[in-house]
């Protein structure tokens, strides 16, 4: 679902924060779809 959302971006900036008890920023605000997809592909528990 997040990958589908990233595809709809057109110049907007999005960041990625993940959490499991505590939170970390995986990606700061960016409009780079390729970078966001790379971070999404690396998501695991």
ModelCIF file with pLDDT and N, C-alpha, C, O atoms, coordinates in Angstrom:
data_MODEL
#
_entry.id   MODEL 
#
_entity.id                         1 
_entity.type                       polymer 
_entity.pdbx_number_of_molecules   1 
#
_entity_poly.entity_id                      1 
_entity_poly.type                           'polypeptide(L)' 
_entity_poly.nstd_linkage                   no 
_entity_poly.nstd_monomer                   no 
_entity_poly.pdbx_seq_one_letter_code       
;(UNK)(UNK)(UNK)(UNK)(UNK)(UNK)(UNK)(UNK)(UNK)(UNK)(UNK)(UNK)(UNK)(UNK)(UNK)(UNK)
(UNK)(UNK)(UNK)(UNK)(UNK)(UNK)(UNK)(UNK)(UNK)(UNK)(UNK)(UNK)(UNK)(UNK)(UNK)(UNK)
(UNK)(UNK)(UNK)(UNK)(UNK)(UNK)(UNK)(UNK)(UNK)(UNK)(UNK)(UNK)(UNK)
;
_entity_poly.pdbx_seq_one_letter_code_can   XXXXXXXXXXXXXXXXXXXXXXXXXXXXXXXXXXXXXXXXXXXXX 
_entity_poly.pdbx_strand_id                 A 
#
loop_
_entity_poly_seq.entity_id 
_entity_poly_seq.num 
_entity_poly_seq.mon_id 
_entity_poly_seq.hetero 
1 1  UNK n 
1 2  UNK n 
1 3  UNK n 
1 4  UNK n 
1 5  UNK n 
1 6  UNK n 
1 7  UNK n 
1 8  UNK n 
1 9  UNK n 
1 10 UNK n 
1 11 UNK n 
1 12 UNK n 
1 13 UNK n 
1 14 UNK n 
1 15 UNK n 
1 16 UNK n 
1 17 UNK n 
1 18 UNK n 
1 19 UNK n 
1 20 UNK n 
1 21 UNK n 
1 22 UNK n 
1 23 UNK n 
1 24 UNK n 
1 25 UNK n 
1 26 UNK n 
1 27 UNK n 
1 28 UNK n 
1 29 UNK n 
1 30 UNK n 
1 31 UNK n 
1 32 UNK n 
1 33 UNK n 
1 34 UNK n 
1 35 UNK n 
1 36 UNK n 
1 37 UNK n 
1 38 UNK n 
1 39 UNK n 
1 40 UNK n 
1 41 UNK n 
1 42 UNK n 
1 43 UNK n 
1 44 UNK n 
1 45 UNK n 
#
_struct_asym.id          A 
_struct_asym.entity_id   1 
#
loop_
_ma_qa_metric.id 
_ma_qa_metric.mode 
_ma_qa_metric.name 
_ma_qa_metric.software_group_id 
_ma_qa_metric.type 
1 global pLDDT . pLDDT 
2 local  pLDDT . pLDDT 
#
_ma_qa_metric_global.metric_id      1 
_ma_qa_metric_global.metric_value   92.67 
_ma_qa_metric_global.model_id       1 
_ma_qa_metric_global.ordinal_id     1 
#
loop_
_ma_qa_metric_local.label_asym_id 
_ma_qa_metric_local.label_comp_id 
_ma_qa_metric_local.label_seq_id 
_ma_qa_metric_local.metric_id 
_ma_qa_metric_local.metric_value 
_ma_qa_metric_local.model_id 
_ma_qa_metric_local.ordinal_id 
A UNK 1  2 95.00 1 1  
A UNK 2  2 94.00 1 2  
A UNK 3  2 94.00 1 3  
A UNK 4  2 95.00 1 4  
A UNK 5  2 93.00 1 5  
A UNK 6  2 92.00 1 6  
A UNK 7  2 92.00 1 7  
A UNK 8  2 92.00 1 8  
A UNK 9  2 88.00 1 9  
A UNK 10 2 89.00 1 10 
A UNK 11 2 86.00 1 11 
A UNK 12 2 91.00 1 12 
A UNK 13 2 94.00 1 13 
A UNK 14 2 94.00 1 14 
A UNK 15 2 95.00 1 15 
A UNK 16 2 95.00 1 16 
A UNK 17 2 95.00 1 17 
A UNK 18 2 94.00 1 18 
A UNK 19 2 94.00 1 19 
A UNK 20 2 93.00 1 20 
A UNK 21 2 88.00 1 21 
A UNK 22 2 92.00 1 22 
A UNK 23 2 94.00 1 23 
A UNK 24 2 93.00 1 24 
A UNK 25 2 95.00 1 25 
A UNK 26 2 92.00 1 26 
A UNK 27 2 93.00 1 27 
A UNK 28 2 95.00 1 28 
A UNK 29 2 96.00 1 29 
A UNK 30 2 94.00 1 30 
A UNK 31 2 92.00 1 31 
A UNK 32 2 93.00 1 32 
A UNK 33 2 92.00 1 33 
A UNK 34 2 93.00 1 34 
A UNK 35 2 93.00 1 35 
A UNK 36 2 93.00 1 36 
A UNK 37 2 93.00 1 37 
A UNK 38 2 94.00 1 38 
A UNK 39 2 93.00 1 39 
A UNK 40 2 94.00 1 40 
A UNK 41 2 93.00 1 41 
A UNK 42 2 91.00 1 42 
A UNK 43 2 90.00 1 43 
A UNK 44 2 89.00 1 44 
A UNK 45 2 90.00 1 45 
#
loop_
_atom_site.group_PDB 
_atom_site.id 
_atom_site.type_symbol 
_atom_site.label_atom_id 
_atom_site.label_alt_id 
_atom_site.label_comp_id 
_atom_site.label_asym_id 
_atom_site.label_entity_id 
_atom_site.label_seq_id 
_atom_site.pdbx_PDB_ins_code 
_atom_site.Cartn_x 
_atom_site.Cartn_y 
_atom_site.Cartn_z 
_atom_site.occupancy 
_atom_site.B_iso_or_equiv 
_atom_site.pdbx_formal_charge 
_atom_site.auth_seq_id 
_atom_site.auth_comp_id 
_atom_site.auth_asym_id 
_atom_site.auth_atom_id 
_atom_site.pdbx_PDB_model_num 
ATOM 1   N N  . UNK A 1 1  ? 0.827  -1.205 0.000  1.00 95.00 ? 1  UNK A N  1 
ATOM 2   C CA . UNK A 1 1  ? 0.000  0.000  0.000  1.00 95.00 ? 1  UNK A CA 1 
ATOM 3   C C  . UNK A 1 1  ? 0.864  1.258  0.000  1.00 95.00 ? 1  UNK A C  1 
ATOM 4   O O  . UNK A 1 1  ? 0.547  2.232  -0.682 1.00 95.00 ? 1  UNK A O  1 
ATOM 5   N N  . UNK A 1 2  ? 1.952  1.236  0.763  1.00 94.00 ? 2  UNK A N  1 
ATOM 6   C CA . UNK A 1 2  ? 2.854  2.389  0.783  1.00 94.00 ? 2  UNK A CA 1 
ATOM 7   C C  . UNK A 1 2  ? 3.534  2.576  -0.570 1.00 94.00 ? 2  UNK A C  1 
ATOM 8   O O  . UNK A 1 2  ? 3.728  3.709  -1.009 1.00 94.00 ? 2  UNK A O  1 
ATOM 9   N N  . UNK A 1 3  ? 3.897  1.490  -1.232 1.00 94.00 ? 3  UNK A N  1 
ATOM 10  C CA . UNK A 1 3  ? 4.501  1.599  -2.564 1.00 94.00 ? 3  UNK A CA 1 
ATOM 11  C C  . UNK A 1 3  ? 3.511  2.203  -3.558 1.00 94.00 ? 3  UNK A C  1 
ATOM 12  O O  . UNK A 1 3  ? 3.889  3.013  -4.405 1.00 94.00 ? 3  UNK A O  1 
ATOM 13  N N  . UNK A 1 4  ? 2.244  1.804  -3.450 1.00 95.00 ? 4  UNK A N  1 
ATOM 14  C CA . UNK A 1 4  ? 1.215  2.394  -4.323 1.00 95.00 ? 4  UNK A CA 1 
ATOM 15  C C  . UNK A 1 4  ? 1.068  3.878  -4.034 1.00 95.00 ? 4  UNK A C  1 
ATOM 16  O O  . UNK A 1 4  ? 0.912  4.679  -4.956 1.00 95.00 ? 4  UNK A O  1 
ATOM 17  N N  . UNK A 1 5  ? 1.116  4.251  -2.760 1.00 93.00 ? 5  UNK A N  1 
ATOM 18  C CA . UNK A 1 5  ? 1.028  5.649  -2.377 1.00 93.00 ? 5  UNK A CA 1 
ATOM 19  C C  . UNK A 1 5  ? 2.196  6.452  -2.946 1.00 93.00 ? 5  UNK A C  1 
ATOM 20  O O  . UNK A 1 5  ? 1.999  7.542  -3.482 1.00 93.00 ? 5  UNK A O  1 
ATOM 21  N N  . UNK A 1 6  ? 3.402  5.917  -2.830 1.00 92.00 ? 6  UNK A N  1 
ATOM 22  C CA . UNK A 1 6  ? 4.597  6.607  -3.337 1.00 92.00 ? 6  UNK A CA 1 
ATOM 23  C C  . UNK A 1 6  ? 4.465  6.875  -4.830 1.00 92.00 ? 6  UNK A C  1 
ATOM 24  O O  . UNK A 1 6  ? 4.893  7.923  -5.315 1.00 92.00 ? 6  UNK A O  1 
ATOM 25  N N  . UNK A 1 7  ? 3.876  5.934  -5.560 1.00 92.00 ? 7  UNK A N  1 
ATOM 26  C CA . UNK A 1 7  ? 3.691  6.121  -7.001 1.00 92.00 ? 7  UNK A CA 1 
ATOM 27  C C  . UNK A 1 7  ? 2.792  7.316  -7.331 1.00 92.00 ? 7  UNK A C  1 
ATOM 28  O O  . UNK A 1 7  ? 2.907  7.893  -8.413 1.00 92.00 ? 7  UNK A O  1 
ATOM 29  N N  . UNK A 1 8  ? 1.897  7.695  -6.411 1.00 92.00 ? 8  UNK A N  1 
ATOM 30  C CA . UNK A 1 8  ? 0.982  8.809  -6.675 1.00 92.00 ? 8  UNK A CA 1 
ATOM 31  C C  . UNK A 1 8  ? 1.624  10.165 -6.419 1.00 92.00 ? 8  UNK A C  1 
ATOM 32  O O  . UNK A 1 8  ? 1.040  11.193 -6.761 1.00 92.00 ? 8  UNK A O  1 
ATOM 33  N N  . UNK A 1 9  ? 2.807  10.189 -5.827 1.00 88.00 ? 9  UNK A N  1 
ATOM 34  C CA . UNK A 1 9  ? 3.457  11.458 -5.509 1.00 88.00 ? 9  UNK A CA 1 
ATOM 35  C C  . UNK A 1 9  ? 3.871  12.186 -6.777 1.00 88.00 ? 9  UNK A C  1 
ATOM 36  O O  . UNK A 1 9  ? 4.366  11.588 -7.732 1.00 88.00 ? 9  UNK A O  1 
ATOM 37  N N  . UNK A 1 10 ? 3.657  13.476 -6.757 1.00 89.00 ? 10 UNK A N  1 
ATOM 38  C CA . UNK A 1 10 ? 4.134  14.271 -7.889 1.00 89.00 ? 10 UNK A CA 1 
ATOM 39  C C  . UNK A 1 10 ? 4.713  15.560 -7.336 1.00 89.00 ? 10 UNK A C  1 
ATOM 40  O O  . UNK A 1 10 ? 4.043  16.591 -7.278 1.00 89.00 ? 10 UNK A O  1 
ATOM 41  N N  . UNK A 1 11 ? 5.970  15.479 -6.932 1.00 86.00 ? 11 UNK A N  1 
ATOM 42  C CA . UNK A 1 11 ? 6.657  16.638 -6.387 1.00 86.00 ? 11 UNK A CA 1 
ATOM 43  C C  . UNK A 1 11 ? 6.490  16.786 -4.887 1.00 86.00 ? 11 UNK A C  1 
ATOM 44  O O  . UNK A 1 11 ? 7.174  17.606 -4.275 1.00 86.00 ? 11 UNK A O  1 
ATOM 45  N N  . UNK A 1 12 ? 5.597  16.013 -4.277 1.00 91.00 ? 12 UNK A N  1 
ATOM 46  C CA . UNK A 1 12 ? 5.414  16.076 -2.828 1.00 91.00 ? 12 UNK A CA 1 
ATOM 47  C C  . UNK A 1 12 ? 6.582  15.391 -2.127 1.00 91.00 ? 12 UNK A C  1 
ATOM 48  O O  . UNK A 1 12 ? 7.198  14.473 -2.669 1.00 91.00 ? 12 UNK A O  1 
ATOM 49  N N  . UNK A 1 13 ? 6.869  15.846 -0.932 1.00 94.00 ? 13 UNK A N  1 
ATOM 50  C CA . UNK A 1 13 ? 7.920  15.221 -0.135 1.00 94.00 ? 13 UNK A CA 1 
ATOM 51  C C  . UNK A 1 13 ? 7.285  14.351 0.937  1.00 94.00 ? 13 UNK A C  1 
ATOM 52  O O  . UNK A 1 13 ? 6.292  14.729 1.558  1.00 94.00 ? 13 UNK A O  1 
ATOM 53  N N  . UNK A 1 14 ? 7.876  13.178 1.142  1.00 94.00 ? 14 UNK A N  1 
ATOM 54  C CA . UNK A 1 14 ? 7.386  12.214 2.116  1.00 94.00 ? 14 UNK A CA 1 
ATOM 55  C C  . UNK A 1 14 ? 8.577  11.655 2.871  1.00 94.00 ? 14 UNK A C  1 
ATOM 56  O O  . UNK A 1 14 ? 9.646  11.451 2.296  1.00 94.00 ? 14 UNK A O  1 
ATOM 57  N N  . UNK A 1 15 ? 8.391  11.409 4.157  1.00 95.00 ? 15 UNK A N  1 
ATOM 58  C CA . UNK A 1 15 ? 9.404  10.767 4.966  1.00 95.00 ? 15 UNK A CA 1 
ATOM 59  C C  . UNK A 1 15 ? 8.884  9.423  5.444  1.00 95.00 ? 15 UNK A C  1 
ATOM 60  O O  . UNK A 1 15 ? 7.694  9.134  5.320  1.00 95.00 ? 15 UNK A O  1 
ATOM 61  N N  . UNK A 1 16 ? 9.762  8.610  5.983  1.00 95.00 ? 16 UNK A N  1 
ATOM 62  C CA . UNK A 1 16 ? 9.359  7.289  6.457  1.00 95.00 ? 16 UNK A CA 1 
ATOM 63  C C  . UNK A 1 16 ? 9.887  7.084  7.872  1.00 95.00 ? 16 UNK A C  1 
ATOM 64  O O  . UNK A 1 16 ? 11.095 7.069  8.108  1.00 95.00 ? 16 UNK A O  1 
ATOM 65  N N  . UNK A 1 17 ? 8.951  6.927  8.808  1.00 95.00 ? 17 UNK A N  1 
ATOM 66  C CA . UNK A 1 17 ? 9.267  6.648  10.207 1.00 95.00 ? 17 UNK A CA 1 
ATOM 67  C C  . UNK A 1 17 ? 8.686  5.285  10.534 1.00 95.00 ? 17 UNK A C  1 
ATOM 68  O O  . UNK A 1 17 ? 7.514  5.025  10.259 1.00 95.00 ? 17 UNK A O  1 
ATOM 69  N N  . UNK A 1 18 ? 9.501  4.407  11.122 1.00 94.00 ? 18 UNK A N  1 
ATOM 70  C CA . UNK A 1 18 ? 9.022  3.079  11.518 1.00 94.00 ? 18 UNK A CA 1 
ATOM 71  C C  . UNK A 1 18 ? 9.100  2.964  13.028 1.00 94.00 ? 18 UNK A C  1 
ATOM 72  O O  . UNK A 1 18 ? 9.886  3.648  13.683 1.00 94.00 ? 18 UNK A O  1 
ATOM 73  N N  . UNK A 1 19 ? 8.271  2.088  13.562 1.00 94.00 ? 19 UNK A N  1 
ATOM 74  C CA . UNK A 1 19 ? 8.260  1.927  15.008 1.00 94.00 ? 19 UNK A CA 1 
ATOM 75  C C  . UNK A 1 19 ? 7.940  0.496  15.395 1.00 94.00 ? 19 UNK A C  1 
ATOM 76  O O  . UNK A 1 19 ? 7.257  -0.236 14.679 1.00 94.00 ? 19 UNK A O  1 
ATOM 77  N N  . UNK A 1 20 ? 8.455  0.133  16.543 1.00 93.00 ? 20 UNK A N  1 
ATOM 78  C CA . UNK A 1 20 ? 8.155  -1.140 17.211 1.00 93.00 ? 20 UNK A CA 1 
ATOM 79  C C  . UNK A 1 20 ? 8.609  -0.936 18.649 1.00 93.00 ? 20 UNK A C  1 
ATOM 80  O O  . UNK A 1 20 ? 9.685  -1.387 19.042 1.00 93.00 ? 20 UNK A O  1 
ATOM 81  N N  . UNK A 1 21 ? 7.797  -0.268 19.412 1.00 88.00 ? 21 UNK A N  1 
ATOM 82  C CA . UNK A 1 21 ? 8.193  0.131  20.763 1.00 88.00 ? 21 UNK A CA 1 
ATOM 83  C C  . UNK A 1 21 ? 8.793  1.516  20.749 1.00 88.00 ? 21 UNK A C  1 
ATOM 84  O O  . UNK A 1 21 ? 8.303  2.408  21.442 1.00 88.00 ? 21 UNK A O  1 
ATOM 85  N N  . UNK A 1 22 ? 9.843  1.715  19.977 1.00 92.00 ? 22 UNK A N  1 
ATOM 86  C CA . UNK A 1 22 ? 10.417 3.040  19.770 1.00 92.00 ? 22 UNK A CA 1 
ATOM 87  C C  . UNK A 1 22 ? 10.394 3.326  18.267 1.00 92.00 ? 22 UNK A C  1 
ATOM 88  O O  . UNK A 1 22 ? 10.186 2.428  17.450 1.00 92.00 ? 22 UNK A O  1 
ATOM 89  N N  . UNK A 1 23 ? 10.608 4.572  17.931 1.00 94.00 ? 23 UNK A N  1 
ATOM 90  C CA . UNK A 1 23 ? 10.515 4.981  16.524 1.00 94.00 ? 23 UNK A CA 1 
ATOM 91  C C  . UNK A 1 23 ? 11.868 5.457  16.011 1.00 94.00 ? 23 UNK A C  1 
ATOM 92  O O  . UNK A 1 23 ? 12.662 6.039  16.751 1.00 94.00 ? 23 UNK A O  1 
ATOM 93  N N  . UNK A 1 24 ? 12.115 5.196  14.720 1.00 93.00 ? 24 UNK A N  1 
ATOM 94  C CA . UNK A 1 24 ? 13.304 5.731  14.057 1.00 93.00 ? 24 UNK A CA 1 
ATOM 95  C C  . UNK A 1 24 ? 12.896 6.260  12.682 1.00 93.00 ? 24 UNK A C  1 
ATOM 96  O O  . UNK A 1 24 ? 11.954 5.773  12.059 1.00 93.00 ? 24 UNK A O  1 
ATOM 97  N N  . UNK A 1 25 ? 13.627 7.259  12.239 1.00 95.00 ? 25 UNK A N  1 
ATOM 98  C CA . UNK A 1 25 ? 13.407 7.806  10.906 1.00 95.00 ? 25 UNK A CA 1 
ATOM 99  C C  . UNK A 1 25 ? 14.263 7.025  9.926  1.00 95.00 ? 25 UNK A C  1 
ATOM 100 O O  . UNK A 1 25 ? 15.491 7.038  10.016 1.00 95.00 ? 25 UNK A O  1 
ATOM 101 N N  . UNK A 1 26 ? 13.609 6.339  8.984  1.00 92.00 ? 26 UNK A N  1 
ATOM 102 C CA . UNK A 1 26 ? 14.357 5.614  7.955  1.00 92.00 ? 26 UNK A CA 1 
ATOM 103 C C  . UNK A 1 26 ? 14.700 6.529  6.802  1.00 92.00 ? 26 UNK A C  1 
ATOM 104 O O  . UNK A 1 26 ? 15.769 6.409  6.203  1.00 92.00 ? 26 UNK A O  1 
ATOM 105 N N  . UNK A 1 27 ? 13.796 7.446  6.486  1.00 93.00 ? 27 UNK A N  1 
ATOM 106 C CA . UNK A 1 27 ? 14.016 8.366  5.378  1.00 93.00 ? 27 UNK A CA 1 
ATOM 107 C C  . UNK A 1 27 ? 13.519 9.748  5.774  1.00 93.00 ? 27 UNK A C  1 
ATOM 108 O O  . UNK A 1 27 ? 12.361 9.904  6.164  1.00 93.00 ? 27 UNK A O  1 
ATOM 109 N N  . UNK A 1 28 ? 14.385 10.753 5.677  1.00 95.00 ? 28 UNK A N  1 
ATOM 110 C CA . UNK A 1 28 ? 13.901 12.116 5.910  1.00 95.00 ? 28 UNK A CA 1 
ATOM 111 C C  . UNK A 1 28 ? 12.992 12.527 4.750  1.00 95.00 ? 28 UNK A C  1 
ATOM 112 O O  . UNK A 1 28 ? 12.871 11.794 3.768  1.00 95.00 ? 28 UNK A O  1 
ATOM 113 N N  . UNK A 1 29 ? 12.365 13.676 4.857  1.00 96.00 ? 29 UNK A N  1 
ATOM 114 C CA . UNK A 1 29 ? 11.508 14.145 3.775  1.00 96.00 ? 29 UNK A CA 1 
ATOM 115 C C  . UNK A 1 29 ? 12.260 14.165 2.452  1.00 96.00 ? 29 UNK A C  1 
ATOM 116 O O  . UNK A 1 29 ? 13.361 14.708 2.354  1.00 96.00 ? 29 UNK A O  1 
ATOM 117 N N  . UNK A 1 30 ? 11.652 13.569 1.446  1.00 94.00 ? 30 UNK A N  1 
ATOM 118 C CA . UNK A 1 30 ? 12.265 13.496 0.126  1.00 94.00 ? 30 UNK A CA 1 
ATOM 119 C C  . UNK A 1 30 ? 11.186 13.357 -0.937 1.00 94.00 ? 30 UNK A C  1 
ATOM 120 O O  . UNK A 1 30 ? 10.080 12.894 -0.658 1.00 94.00 ? 30 UNK A O  1 
ATOM 121 N N  . UNK A 1 31 ? 11.514 13.759 -2.141 1.00 92.00 ? 31 UNK A N  1 
ATOM 122 C CA . UNK A 1 31 ? 10.619 13.515 -3.277 1.00 92.00 ? 31 UNK A CA 1 
ATOM 123 C C  . UNK A 1 31 ? 11.209 12.434 -4.184 1.00 92.00 ? 31 UNK A C  1 
ATOM 124 O O  . UNK A 1 31 ? 10.704 12.194 -5.281 1.00 92.00 ? 31 UNK A O  1 
ATOM 125 N N  . UNK A 1 32 ? 12.281 11.785 -3.722 1.00 93.00 ? 32 UNK A N  1 
ATOM 126 C CA . UNK A 1 32 ? 12.969 10.740 -4.482 1.00 93.00 ? 32 UNK A CA 1 
ATOM 127 C C  . UNK A 1 32 ? 12.231 9.408  -4.315 1.00 93.00 ? 32 UNK A C  1 
ATOM 128 O O  . UNK A 1 32 ? 12.398 8.714  -3.313 1.00 93.00 ? 32 UNK A O  1 
ATOM 129 N N  . UNK A 1 33 ? 11.423 9.070  -5.304 1.00 92.00 ? 33 UNK A N  1 
ATOM 130 C CA . UNK A 1 33 ? 10.627 7.838  -5.242 1.00 92.00 ? 33 UNK A CA 1 
ATOM 131 C C  . UNK A 1 33 ? 11.503 6.595  -5.162 1.00 92.00 ? 33 UNK A C  1 
ATOM 132 O O  . UNK A 1 33 ? 11.160 5.642  -4.463 1.00 92.00 ? 33 UNK A O  1 
ATOM 133 N N  . UNK A 1 34 ? 12.609 6.593  -5.856 1.00 93.00 ? 34 UNK A N  1 
ATOM 134 C CA . UNK A 1 34 ? 13.500 5.426  -5.842 1.00 93.00 ? 34 UNK A CA 1 
ATOM 135 C C  . UNK A 1 34 ? 14.055 5.178  -4.446 1.00 93.00 ? 34 UNK A C  1 
ATOM 136 O O  . UNK A 1 34 ? 14.135 4.034  -3.999 1.00 93.00 ? 34 UNK A O  1 
ATOM 137 N N  . UNK A 1 35 ? 14.435 6.237  -3.768 1.00 93.00 ? 35 UNK A N  1 
ATOM 138 C CA . UNK A 1 35 ? 14.969 6.088  -2.411 1.00 93.00 ? 35 UNK A CA 1 
ATOM 139 C C  . UNK A 1 35 ? 13.888 5.564  -1.473 1.00 93.00 ? 35 UNK A C  1 
ATOM 140 O O  . UNK A 1 35 ? 14.147 4.674  -0.662 1.00 93.00 ? 35 UNK A O  1 
ATOM 141 N N  . UNK A 1 36 ? 12.686 6.109  -1.578 1.00 93.00 ? 36 UNK A N  1 
ATOM 142 C CA . UNK A 1 36 ? 11.594 5.635  -0.728 1.00 93.00 ? 36 UNK A CA 1 
ATOM 143 C C  . UNK A 1 36 ? 11.299 4.166  -0.972 1.00 93.00 ? 36 UNK A C  1 
ATOM 144 O O  . UNK A 1 36 ? 11.075 3.412  -0.025 1.00 93.00 ? 36 UNK A O  1 
ATOM 145 N N  . UNK A 1 37 ? 11.297 3.754  -2.233 1.00 93.00 ? 37 UNK A N  1 
ATOM 146 C CA . UNK A 1 37 ? 11.050 2.347  -2.554 1.00 93.00 ? 37 UNK A CA 1 
ATOM 147 C C  . UNK A 1 37 ? 12.141 1.455  -1.982 1.00 93.00 ? 37 UNK A C  1 
ATOM 148 O O  . UNK A 1 37 ? 11.861 0.351  -1.515 1.00 93.00 ? 37 UNK A O  1 
ATOM 149 N N  . UNK A 1 38 ? 13.385 1.930  -2.016 1.00 94.00 ? 38 UNK A N  1 
ATOM 150 C CA . UNK A 1 38 ? 14.490 1.162  -1.457 1.00 94.00 ? 38 UNK A CA 1 
ATOM 151 C C  . UNK A 1 38 ? 14.278 0.953  0.042  1.00 94.00 ? 38 UNK A C  1 
ATOM 152 O O  . UNK A 1 38 ? 14.476 -0.149 0.553  1.00 94.00 ? 38 UNK A O  1 
ATOM 153 N N  . UNK A 1 39 ? 13.874 2.015  0.745  1.00 93.00 ? 39 UNK A N  1 
ATOM 154 C CA . UNK A 1 39 ? 13.618 1.888  2.171  1.00 93.00 ? 39 UNK A CA 1 
ATOM 155 C C  . UNK A 1 39 ? 12.437 0.971  2.434  1.00 93.00 ? 39 UNK A C  1 
ATOM 156 O O  . UNK A 1 39 ? 12.480 0.168  3.366  1.00 93.00 ? 39 UNK A O  1 
ATOM 157 N N  . UNK A 1 40 ? 11.392 1.072  1.642  1.00 94.00 ? 40 UNK A N  1 
ATOM 158 C CA . UNK A 1 40 ? 10.228 0.197  1.808  1.00 94.00 ? 40 UNK A CA 1 
ATOM 159 C C  . UNK A 1 40 ? 10.604 -1.261 1.579  1.00 94.00 ? 40 UNK A C  1 
ATOM 160 O O  . UNK A 1 40 ? 10.143 -2.141 2.306  1.00 94.00 ? 40 UNK A O  1 
ATOM 161 N N  . UNK A 1 41 ? 11.437 -1.526 0.575  1.00 93.00 ? 41 UNK A N  1 
ATOM 162 C CA . UNK A 1 41 ? 11.869 -2.899 0.287  1.00 93.00 ? 41 UNK A CA 1 
ATOM 163 C C  . UNK A 1 41 ? 12.671 -3.488 1.450  1.00 93.00 ? 41 UNK A C  1 
ATOM 164 O O  . UNK A 1 41 ? 12.682 -4.702 1.651  1.00 93.00 ? 41 UNK A O  1 
ATOM 165 N N  . UNK A 1 42 ? 13.336 -2.629 2.208  1.00 91.00 ? 42 UNK A N  1 
ATOM 166 C CA . UNK A 1 42 ? 14.183 -3.129 3.292  1.00 91.00 ? 42 UNK A CA 1 
ATOM 167 C C  . UNK A 1 42 ? 13.423 -3.317 4.607  1.00 91.00 ? 42 UNK A C  1 
ATOM 168 O O  . UNK A 1 42 ? 14.003 -3.789 5.585  1.00 91.00 ? 42 UNK A O  1 
ATOM 169 N N  . UNK A 1 43 ? 12.156 -2.964 4.649  1.00 90.00 ? 43 UNK A N  1 
ATOM 170 C CA . UNK A 1 43 ? 11.390 -3.083 5.890  1.00 90.00 ? 43 UNK A CA 1 
ATOM 171 C C  . UNK A 1 43 ? 11.286 -4.536 6.347  1.00 90.00 ? 43 UNK A C  1 
ATOM 172 O O  . UNK A 1 43 ? 10.963 -5.432 5.567  1.00 90.00 ? 43 UNK A O  1 
ATOM 173 N N  . UNK A 1 44 ? 11.569 -4.741 7.621  1.00 89.00 ? 44 UNK A N  1 
ATOM 174 C CA . UNK A 1 44 ? 11.368 -6.045 8.249  1.00 89.00 ? 44 UNK A CA 1 
ATOM 175 C C  . UNK A 1 44 ? 11.213 -5.849 9.743  1.00 89.00 ? 44 UNK A C  1 
ATOM 176 O O  . UNK A 1 44 ? 11.349 -4.728 10.233 1.00 89.00 ? 44 UNK A O  1 
ATOM 177 N N  . UNK A 1 45 ? 10.942 -6.878 10.453 1.00 90.00 ? 45 UNK A N  1 
ATOM 178 C CA . UNK A 1 45 ? 10.676 -6.756 11.891 1.00 90.00 ? 45 UNK A CA 1 
ATOM 179 C C  . UNK A 1 45 ? 11.958 -6.523 12.705 1.00 90.00 ? 45 UNK A C  1 
ATOM 180 O O  . UNK A 1 45 ? 11.898 -6.400 13.929 1.00 90.00 ? 45 UNK A O  1 
#
